[in-house]
Amino acid sequence: MTDLVLSARGLSKRYGRVVAMERADFDLKRGEILAVIGDNGAGKSTLIKTLVGAVAPDAGEIRLDGAPVRFASPQEARLAGIETVYQSLALSPALSIADNLFLGRELRSSGPLGRFFRNLDKAEMARQARVHLQALGLSTVQDIDQRVETLSGGQRQGVAIARACGFGGKVVFMDEPTAALGVKESRKVLDLIRSVRERGLSVVVISHNMPHVFEIADRIHVHRLGRRIAVLRPSDCTMSDAVSIMTGASPPPAALAA
């Protein structure tokens, strides 16, 4: 079995005369945290949207577990084991924690009540929700029936992460997971990301927060002008080096060039 759980070669995407992505490559190893960094307009959003099925590439190939795949929608990518935690979190504030975790994949009651009347098995969903939250160490959430709108920003992020990694996925994409959080809650989310990796999932973190990137990432994918220009290891370079390469102020060292 290949060491790469998700990879792409030669991905390109144009919108009329605008080149959003040009021969972009991507490699995600099993059980690693990969950070994706790039300046505004670098094309990293298009790359991620392509990998999670939200955008169809004009050219190129995506492989999952070594086999070619082509996702027509984010739902197809999710069914294949690729989950996404968006910056907006995509949670329903008025619903409970358990309802949010099972949103779109609710459990039906057994027997005629579930088959004919489509009754939900709320007790089982609550039980499983507790298991998912405890597995990630989210001990601050006491009431599984609590509405999401009453939670703190860090707790909401935790619910979104639990929903993404609690259903047997392979890869979790996280878009700016600490962008709207304070120092204390950001620390909790970084610990959550490590917990996700410890459970055997591969994590892709898209972030502008360089201290966080250098703290948690095993490798750093640098995106510029629509393509990957370097893959860095935090132990081999400084934050200033990464920013300089990302902005084009200096070229990547030959040994680190993608």
C-alpha atoms as a PDB file:
ATOM      1  CA  MET A   1       0.000   0.000   0.000  1.00  0.00           C
ATOM      2  CA  THR A   2       1.288   3.439  -0.901  1.00  0.00           C
ATOM      3  CA  ASP A   3       2.494   5.785   1.845  1.00  0.00           C
ATOM      4  CA  LEU A   4       0.271   8.515   0.386  1.00  0.00           C
ATOM      5  CA  VAL A   5      -3.378   8.528   1.396  1.00  0.00           C
ATOM      6  CA  LEU A   6      -4.272  11.421  -0.943  1.00  0.00           C
ATOM      7  CA  SER A   7      -2.283  12.807  -3.855  1.00  0.00           C
ATOM      8  CA  ALA A   8      -2.760  14.864  -6.999  1.00  0.00           C
ATOM      9  CA  ARG A   9      -0.729  15.551 -10.109  1.00  0.00           C
ATOM     10  CA  GLY A  10      -1.057  18.300 -12.692  1.00  0.00           C
ATOM     11  CA  LEU A  11      -4.283  19.847 -11.433  1.00  0.00           C
ATOM     12  CA  SER A  12      -5.364  22.858 -13.489  1.00  0.00           C
ATOM     13  CA  LYS A  13      -8.394  25.128 -13.309  1.00  0.00           C
ATOM     14  CA  ARG A  14      -9.293  28.210 -15.332  1.00  0.00           C
ATOM     15  CA  TYR A  15     -12.192  30.610 -15.044  1.00  0.00           C
ATOM     16  CA  GLY A  16     -12.209  32.247 -18.449  1.00  0.00           C
ATOM     17  CA  ARG A  17      -8.828  33.961 -18.726  1.00  0.00           C
ATOM     18  CA  VAL A  18      -8.150  33.713 -15.019  1.00  0.00           C
ATOM     19  CA  VAL A  19      -5.788  30.873 -14.130  1.00  0.00           C
ATOM     20  CA  ALA A  20      -6.717  29.713 -10.626  1.00  0.00           C
ATOM     21  CA  MET A  21      -4.529  26.597 -10.659  1.00  0.00           C
ATOM     22  CA  GLU A  22      -1.796  25.514 -13.056  1.00  0.00           C
ATOM     23  CA  ARG A  23      -0.262  22.015 -12.957  1.00  0.00           C
ATOM     24  CA  ALA A  24      -0.592  21.840  -9.161  1.00  0.00           C
ATOM     25  CA  ASP A  25       0.651  18.807  -7.231  1.00  0.00           C
ATOM     26  CA  PHE A  26      -0.334  17.622  -3.769  1.00  0.00           C
ATOM     27  CA  ASP A  27       0.824  14.848  -1.428  1.00  0.00           C
ATOM     28  CA  LEU A  28      -0.640  13.848   1.917  1.00  0.00           C
ATOM     29  CA  LYS A  29       0.971  11.022   3.872  1.00  0.00           C
ATOM     30  CA  ARG A  30      -0.848   8.648   6.202  1.00  0.00           C
ATOM     31  CA  GLY A  31      -1.160   9.846   9.770  1.00  0.00           C
ATOM     32  CA  GLU A  32       0.452  13.247   9.223  1.00  0.00           C
ATOM     33  CA  ILE A  33      -0.565  16.848   9.736  1.00  0.00           C
ATOM     34  CA  LEU A  34       0.085  18.780   6.535  1.00  0.00           C
ATOM     35  CA  ALA A  35      -0.190  22.565   6.599  1.00  0.00           C
ATOM     36  CA  VAL A  36      -1.078  24.406   3.389  1.00  0.00           C
ATOM     37  CA  ILE A  37       0.092  28.011   3.267  1.00  0.00           C
ATOM     38  CA  GLY A  38      -0.071  30.622   0.550  1.00  0.00           C
ATOM     39  CA  ASP A  39      -0.655  34.320   0.052  1.00  0.00           C
ATOM     40  CA  ASN A  40      -4.107  35.628  -0.849  1.00  0.00           C
ATOM     41  CA  GLY A  41      -4.859  34.717  -4.459  1.00  0.00           C
ATOM     42  CA  ALA A  42      -2.247  31.956  -4.553  1.00  0.00           C
ATOM     43  CA  GLY A  43      -4.856  29.367  -5.547  1.00  0.00           C
ATOM     44  CA  LYS A  44      -4.826  27.265  -2.397  1.00  0.00           C
ATOM     45  CA  SER A  45      -8.609  27.560  -1.977  1.00  0.00           C
ATOM     46  CA  THR A  46      -9.124  26.226  -5.511  1.00  0.00           C
ATOM     47  CA  LEU A  47      -6.719  23.363  -4.772  1.00  0.00           C
ATOM     48  CA  ILE A  48      -8.570  22.387  -1.605  1.00  0.00           C
ATOM     49  CA  LYS A  49     -12.008  22.716  -3.208  1.00  0.00           C
ATOM     50  CA  THR A  50     -10.828  20.424  -5.998  1.00  0.00           C
ATOM     51  CA  LEU A  51      -9.528  17.807  -3.568  1.00  0.00           C
ATOM     52  CA  VAL A  52     -12.801  17.754  -1.575  1.00  0.00           C
ATOM     53  CA  GLY A  53     -15.080  17.590  -4.621  1.00  0.00           C
ATOM     54  CA  ALA A  54     -16.433  21.165  -4.608  1.00  0.00           C
ATOM     55  CA  VAL A  55     -14.648  22.107  -7.873  1.00  0.00           C
ATOM     56  CA  ALA A  56     -14.035  19.925 -10.932  1.00  0.00           C
ATOM     57  CA  PRO A  57     -10.499  20.369 -12.338  1.00  0.00           C
ATOM     58  CA  ASP A  58      -9.971  21.047 -16.042  1.00  0.00           C
ATOM     59  CA  ALA A  59      -7.010  18.686 -16.062  1.00  0.00           C
ATOM     60  CA  GLY A  60      -4.990  16.494 -13.736  1.00  0.00           C
ATOM     61  CA  GLU A  61      -5.490  13.433 -11.587  1.00  0.00           C
ATOM     62  CA  ILE A  62      -6.407  12.807  -7.953  1.00  0.00           C
ATOM     63  CA  ARG A  63      -5.598   9.529  -6.206  1.00  0.00           C
ATOM     64  CA  LEU A  64      -7.022   8.195  -2.945  1.00  0.00           C
ATOM     65  CA  ASP A  65      -5.146   5.229  -1.471  1.00  0.00           C
ATOM     66  CA  GLY A  66      -3.331   4.973  -4.799  1.00  0.00           C
ATOM     67  CA  ALA A  67      -6.491   4.613  -6.903  1.00  0.00           C
ATOM     68  CA  PRO A  68      -7.650   7.376  -9.304  1.00  0.00           C
ATOM     69  CA  VAL A  69     -10.802   9.180  -8.132  1.00  0.00           C
ATOM     70  CA  ARG A  70     -12.982  11.948  -9.511  1.00  0.00           C
ATOM     71  CA  PHE A  71     -15.507  13.490  -7.137  1.00  0.00           C
ATOM     72  CA  ALA A  72     -18.632  15.098  -8.559  1.00  0.00           C
ATOM     73  CA  SER A  73     -19.553  16.680  -5.225  1.00  0.00           C
ATOM     74  CA  PRO A  74     -18.358  17.092  -1.616  1.00  0.00           C
ATOM     75  CA  GLN A  75     -20.870  14.373  -0.686  1.00  0.00           C
ATOM     76  CA  GLU A  76     -19.039  11.884  -2.920  1.00  0.00           C
ATOM     77  CA  ALA A  77     -15.732  12.868  -1.316  1.00  0.00           C
ATOM     78  CA  ARG A  78     -17.270  12.421   2.126  1.00  0.00           C
ATOM     79  CA  LEU A  79     -18.537   8.968   1.261  1.00  0.00           C
ATOM     80  CA  ALA A  80     -14.979   8.114   0.176  1.00  0.00           C
ATOM     81  CA  GLY A  81     -13.605   9.231   3.569  1.00  0.00           C
ATOM     82  CA  ILE A  82     -12.684  12.891   2.972  1.00  0.00           C
ATOM     83  CA  GLU A  83     -14.259  15.244   5.505  1.00  0.00           C
ATOM     84  CA  THR A  84     -14.014  19.042   5.668  1.00  0.00           C
ATOM     85  CA  VAL A  85     -14.276  21.464   8.592  1.00  0.00           C
ATOM     86  CA  TYR A  86     -15.055  24.811   6.973  1.00  0.00           C
ATOM     87  CA  GLN A  87     -14.079  28.144   8.498  1.00  0.00           C
ATOM     88  CA  SER A  88     -17.790  28.884   8.997  1.00  0.00           C
ATOM     89  CA  LEU A  89     -18.040  25.444  10.733  1.00  0.00           C
ATOM     90  CA  ALA A  90     -21.348  24.777   8.883  1.00  0.00           C
ATOM     91  CA  LEU A  91     -23.152  24.090  12.146  1.00  0.00           C
ATOM     92  CA  SER A  92     -26.828  24.725  12.851  1.00  0.00           C
ATOM     93  CA  PRO A  93     -26.868  26.947  15.972  1.00  0.00           C
ATOM     94  CA  ALA A  94     -30.451  26.151  17.005  1.00  0.00           C
ATOM     95  CA  LEU A  95     -29.880  22.377  16.997  1.00  0.00           C
ATOM     96  CA  SER A  96     -28.285  20.337  19.755  1.00  0.00           C
ATOM     97  CA  ILE A  97     -24.744  18.987  19.728  1.00  0.00           C
ATOM     98  CA  ALA A  98     -25.988  15.479  18.946  1.00  0.00           C
ATOM     99  CA  ASP A  99     -28.237  16.730  16.149  1.00  0.00           C
ATOM    100  CA  ASN A 100     -25.333  18.620  14.586  1.00  0.00           C
ATOM    101  CA  LEU A 101     -23.014  15.621  14.737  1.00  0.00           C
ATOM    102  CA  PHE A 102     -25.559  13.513  12.852  1.00  0.00           C
ATOM    103  CA  LEU A 103     -26.820  16.249  10.530  1.00  0.00           C
ATOM    104  CA  GLY A 104     -27.394  14.616   7.144  1.00  0.00           C
ATOM    105  CA  ARG A 105     -26.755  11.108   8.490  1.00  0.00           C
ATOM    106  CA  GLU A 106     -29.426  10.737  11.145  1.00  0.00           C
ATOM    107  CA  LEU A 107     -30.140   7.339  12.646  1.00  0.00           C
ATOM    108  CA  ARG A 108     -33.647   5.939  12.259  1.00  0.00           C
ATOM    109  CA  SER A 109     -35.460   3.977  14.939  1.00  0.00           C
ATOM    110  CA  SER A 110     -35.582   0.230  14.420  1.00  0.00           C
ATOM    111  CA  GLY A 111     -38.800  -1.440  13.363  1.00  0.00           C
ATOM    112  CA  PRO A 112     -41.916   0.115  11.814  1.00  0.00           C
ATOM    113  CA  LEU A 113     -41.468   3.487  13.547  1.00  0.00           C
ATOM    114  CA  GLY A 114     -38.242   4.103  11.713  1.00  0.00           C
ATOM    115  CA  ARG A 115     -39.141   2.346   8.470  1.00  0.00           C
ATOM    116  CA  PHE A 116     -42.584   3.823   7.878  1.00  0.00           C
ATOM    117  CA  PHE A 117     -42.782   6.897  10.111  1.00  0.00           C
ATOM    118  CA  ARG A 118     -39.062   7.843   9.819  1.00  0.00           C
ATOM    119  CA  ASN A 119     -38.723   8.387  13.559  1.00  0.00           C
ATOM    120  CA  LEU A 120     -35.206   9.280  14.717  1.00  0.00           C
ATOM    121  CA  ASP A 121     -33.326   7.212  17.269  1.00  0.00           C
ATOM    122  CA  LYS A 122     -32.327  10.210  19.402  1.00  0.00           C
ATOM    123  CA  ALA A 123     -31.115   8.081  22.313  1.00  0.00           C
ATOM    124  CA  GLU A 124     -28.612   6.202  20.131  1.00  0.00           C
ATOM    125  CA  MET A 125     -27.455   9.409  18.422  1.00  0.00           C
ATOM    126  CA  ALA A 126     -26.866  10.994  21.837  1.00  0.00           C
ATOM    127  CA  ARG A 127     -24.933   7.929  23.019  1.00  0.00           C
ATOM    128  CA  GLN A 128     -22.699   7.892  19.938  1.00  0.00           C
ATOM    129  CA  ALA A 129     -22.207  11.664  20.122  1.00  0.00           C
ATOM    130  CA  ARG A 130     -20.867  11.312  23.666  1.00  0.00           C
ATOM    131  CA  VAL A 131     -18.460   8.606  22.490  1.00  0.00           C
ATOM    132  CA  HIS A 132     -17.162  10.802  19.648  1.00  0.00           C
ATOM    133  CA  LEU A 133     -16.645  13.813  21.911  1.00  0.00           C
ATOM    134  CA  GLN A 134     -14.953  11.775  24.654  1.00  0.00           C
ATOM    135  CA  ALA A 135     -12.633  10.160  22.104  1.00  0.00           C
ATOM    136  CA  LEU A 136     -11.323  13.631  21.254  1.00  0.00           C
ATOM    137  CA  GLY A 137     -11.051  14.648  24.896  1.00  0.00           C
ATOM    138  CA  LEU A 138     -13.876  17.198  24.744  1.00  0.00           C
ATOM    139  CA  SER A 139     -14.664  16.907  28.433  1.00  0.00           C
ATOM    140  CA  THR A 140     -15.861  20.532  28.716  1.00  0.00           C
ATOM    141  CA  VAL A 141     -19.096  19.638  26.910  1.00  0.00           C
ATOM    142  CA  GLN A 142     -21.375  18.241  29.599  1.00  0.00           C
ATOM    143  CA  ASP A 143     -24.849  18.247  28.044  1.00  0.00           C
ATOM    144  CA  ILE A 144     -25.095  16.529  24.660  1.00  0.00           C
ATOM    145  CA  ASP A 145     -28.557  18.075  24.168  1.00  0.00           C
ATOM    146  CA  GLN A 146     -27.183  21.585  24.619  1.00  0.00           C
ATOM    147  CA  ARG A 147     -27.823  23.901  21.671  1.00  0.00           C
ATOM    148  CA  VAL A 148     -24.708  24.780  19.684  1.00  0.00           C
ATOM    149  CA  GLU A 149     -25.469  28.523  19.886  1.00  0.00           C
ATOM    150  CA  THR A 150     -24.775  28.367  23.643  1.00  0.00           C
ATOM    151  CA  LEU A 151     -21.250  26.981  23.184  1.00  0.00           C
ATOM    152  CA  SER A 152     -17.986  28.917  23.125  1.00  0.00           C
ATOM    153  CA  GLY A 153     -16.052  29.318  19.884  1.00  0.00           C
ATOM    154  CA  GLY A 154     -13.597  26.602  20.831  1.00  0.00           C
ATOM    155  CA  GLN A 155     -16.368  24.194  21.788  1.00  0.00           C
ATOM    156  CA  ARG A 156     -18.127  24.815  18.463  1.00  0.00           C
ATOM    157  CA  GLN A 157     -14.900  24.088  16.635  1.00  0.00           C
ATOM    158  CA  GLY A 158     -14.615  20.885  18.664  1.00  0.00           C
ATOM    159  CA  VAL A 159     -18.121  19.802  17.645  1.00  0.00           C
ATOM    160  CA  ALA A 160     -17.299  20.448  13.979  1.00  0.00           C
ATOM    161  CA  ILE A 161     -14.070  18.451  14.266  1.00  0.00           C
ATOM    162  CA  ALA A 162     -15.844  15.593  16.066  1.00  0.00           C
ATOM    163  CA  ARG A 163     -18.445  15.484  13.280  1.00  0.00           C
ATOM    164  CA  ALA A 164     -15.712  15.352  10.636  1.00  0.00           C
ATOM    165  CA  CYS A 165     -13.561  12.632  12.176  1.00  0.00           C
ATOM    166  CA  GLY A 166     -16.133  10.556  14.028  1.00  0.00           C
ATOM    167  CA  PHE A 167     -17.481   8.490  11.160  1.00  0.00           C
ATOM    168  CA  GLY A 168     -14.593   6.399   9.873  1.00  0.00           C
ATOM    169  CA  GLY A 169     -12.999   8.930   7.558  1.00  0.00           C
ATOM    170  CA  LYS A 170      -9.473   8.893   6.166  1.00  0.00           C
ATOM    171  CA  VAL A 171      -8.686  12.583   5.656  1.00  0.00           C
ATOM    172  CA  VAL A 172      -9.868  15.731   7.425  1.00  0.00           C
ATOM    173  CA  PHE A 173      -9.414  19.184   5.872  1.00  0.00           C
ATOM    174  CA  MET A 174      -9.561  22.118   8.308  1.00  0.00           C
ATOM    175  CA  ASP A 175      -9.884  25.654   6.966  1.00  0.00           C
ATOM    176  CA  GLU A 176      -8.396  28.275   9.325  1.00  0.00           C
ATOM    177  CA  PRO A 177      -9.396  26.304  12.459  1.00  0.00           C
ATOM    178  CA  THR A 178      -8.116  28.936  14.920  1.00  0.00           C
ATOM    179  CA  ALA A 179      -8.884  32.127  12.979  1.00  0.00           C
ATOM    180  CA  ALA A 180     -11.674  33.464  15.208  1.00  0.00           C
ATOM    181  CA  LEU A 181     -10.438  32.084  18.545  1.00  0.00           C
ATOM    182  CA  GLY A 182      -8.536  33.516  21.478  1.00  0.00           C
ATOM    183  CA  VAL A 183      -5.269  32.148  22.806  1.00  0.00           C
ATOM    184  CA  LYS A 184      -6.781  29.670  25.278  1.00  0.00           C
ATOM    185  CA  GLU A 185      -9.341  28.247  22.846  1.00  0.00           C
ATOM    186  CA  SER A 186      -6.787  28.101  20.027  1.00  0.00           C
ATOM    187  CA  ARG A 187      -4.640  25.921  22.284  1.00  0.00           C
ATOM    188  CA  LYS A 188      -7.545  23.514  22.780  1.00  0.00           C
ATOM    189  CA  VAL A 189      -8.168  23.299  19.041  1.00  0.00           C
ATOM    190  CA  LEU A 190      -4.497  22.567  18.329  1.00  0.00           C
ATOM    191  CA  ASP A 191      -4.672  19.760  20.888  1.00  0.00           C
ATOM    192  CA  LEU A 192      -7.810  18.480  19.112  1.00  0.00           C
ATOM    193  CA  ILE A 193      -5.976  18.419  15.790  1.00  0.00           C
ATOM    194  CA  ARG A 194      -3.233  16.307  17.363  1.00  0.00           C
ATOM    195  CA  SER A 195      -5.910  13.992  18.785  1.00  0.00           C
ATOM    196  CA  VAL A 196      -7.334  13.513  15.294  1.00  0.00           C
ATOM    197  CA  ARG A 197      -3.907  12.448  14.014  1.00  0.00           C
ATOM    198  CA  GLU A 198      -3.447  10.084  16.957  1.00  0.00           C
ATOM    199  CA  ARG A 199      -6.655   8.342  15.891  1.00  0.00           C
ATOM    200  CA  GLY A 200      -4.974   7.469  12.600  1.00  0.00           C
ATOM    201  CA  LEU A 201      -6.464  10.131  10.337  1.00  0.00           C
ATOM    202  CA  SER A 202      -4.469  12.407   8.064  1.00  0.00           C
ATOM    203  CA  VAL A 203      -5.089  16.122   8.616  1.00  0.00           C
ATOM    204  CA  VAL A 204      -4.733  19.053   6.220  1.00  0.00           C
ATOM    205  CA  VAL A 205      -4.712  22.460   7.916  1.00  0.00           C
ATOM    206  CA  ILE A 206      -5.095  25.594   5.795  1.00  0.00           C
ATOM    207  CA  SER A 207      -3.828  28.490   7.890  1.00  0.00           C
ATOM    208  CA  HIS A 208      -2.240  31.935   7.853  1.00  0.00           C
ATOM    209  CA  ASN A 209      -1.131  31.578  11.473  1.00  0.00           C
ATOM    210  CA  MET A 210       2.525  30.696  11.093  1.00  0.00           C
ATOM    211  CA  PRO A 211       3.262  29.984  14.795  1.00  0.00           C
ATOM    212  CA  HIS A 212       0.416  27.451  14.807  1.00  0.00           C
ATOM    213  CA  VAL A 213       1.590  25.950  11.507  1.00  0.00           C
ATOM    214  CA  PHE A 214       5.123  25.466  12.823  1.00  0.00           C
ATOM    215  CA  GLU A 215       3.847  24.037  16.091  1.00  0.00           C
ATOM    216  CA  ILE A 216       1.620  21.254  14.744  1.00  0.00           C
ATOM    217  CA  ALA A 217       2.613  20.524  11.123  1.00  0.00           C
ATOM    218  CA  ASP A 218       4.798  17.597  10.116  1.00  0.00           C
ATOM    219  CA  ARG A 219       5.248  19.148   6.669  1.00  0.00           C
ATOM    220  CA  ILE A 220       4.276  22.455   5.020  1.00  0.00           C
ATOM    221  CA  HIS A 221       2.888  22.671   1.468  1.00  0.00           C
ATOM    222  CA  VAL A 222       3.733  26.117   0.047  1.00  0.00           C
ATOM    223  CA  HIS A 223       1.355  27.299  -2.690  1.00  0.00           C
ATOM    224  CA  ARG A 224       2.132  30.222  -4.979  1.00  0.00           C
ATOM    225  CA  LEU A 225       0.797  31.399  -8.349  1.00  0.00           C
ATOM    226  CA  GLY A 226      -1.548  28.447  -8.696  1.00  0.00           C
ATOM    227  CA  ARG A 227       0.856  25.631  -7.924  1.00  0.00           C
ATOM    228  CA  ARG A 228       2.947  23.977  -5.217  1.00  0.00           C
ATOM    229  CA  ILE A 229       6.413  25.505  -5.199  1.00  0.00           C
ATOM    230  CA  ALA A 230       7.915  23.817  -2.132  1.00  0.00           C
ATOM    231  CA  VAL A 231       7.377  21.303   0.637  1.00  0.00           C
ATOM    232  CA  LEU A 232       9.062  22.339   3.874  1.00  0.00           C
ATOM    233  CA  ARG A 233       9.702  20.697   7.213  1.00  0.00           C
ATOM    234  CA  PRO A 234       9.387  23.012  10.234  1.00  0.00           C
ATOM    235  CA  SER A 235      12.595  21.566  11.642  1.00  0.00           C
ATOM    236  CA  ASP A 236      14.554  22.562   8.510  1.00  0.00           C
ATOM    237  CA  CYS A 237      13.544  26.212   8.177  1.00  0.00           C
ATOM    238  CA  THR A 238      12.302  29.247  10.065  1.00  0.00           C
ATOM    239  CA  MET A 239       8.980  31.046   9.875  1.00  0.00           C
ATOM    240  CA  SER A 240      10.735  33.889   8.087  1.00  0.00           C
ATOM    241  CA  ASP A 241      12.063  31.441   5.487  1.00  0.00           C
ATOM    242  CA  ALA A 242       8.574  30.040   4.888  1.00  0.00           C
ATOM    243  CA  VAL A 243       6.994  33.476   4.528  1.00  0.00           C
ATOM    244  CA  SER A 244       9.769  34.599   2.204  1.00  0.00           C
ATOM    245  CA  ILE A 245       9.267  31.575  -0.059  1.00  0.00           C
ATOM    246  CA  MET A 246       5.471  31.913   0.106  1.00  0.00           C
ATOM    247  CA  THR A 247       5.522  35.575  -0.961  1.00  0.00           C
ATOM    248  CA  GLY A 248       8.179  35.125  -3.645  1.00  0.00           C
ATOM    249  CA  ALA A 249      10.762  37.252  -1.830  1.00  0.00           C
ATOM    250  CA  SER A 250      13.183  34.350  -2.135  1.00  0.00           C
ATOM    251  CA  PRO A 251      13.160  31.137  -4.170  1.00  0.00           C
ATOM    252  CA  PRO A 252      12.880  27.800  -2.377  1.00  0.00           C
ATOM    253  CA  PRO A 253      16.173  25.972  -1.865  1.00  0.00           C
ATOM    254  CA  ALA A 254      16.706  23.380  -4.603  1.00  0.00           C
ATOM    255  CA  ALA A 255      16.456  20.550  -2.061  1.00  0.00           C
ATOM    256  CA  LEU A 256      13.057  21.787  -0.880  1.00  0.00           C
ATOM    257  CA  ALA A 257      11.517  22.762  -4.208  1.00  0.00           C
ATOM    258  CA  ALA A 258       8.409  20.846  -5.161  1.00  0.00           C
END
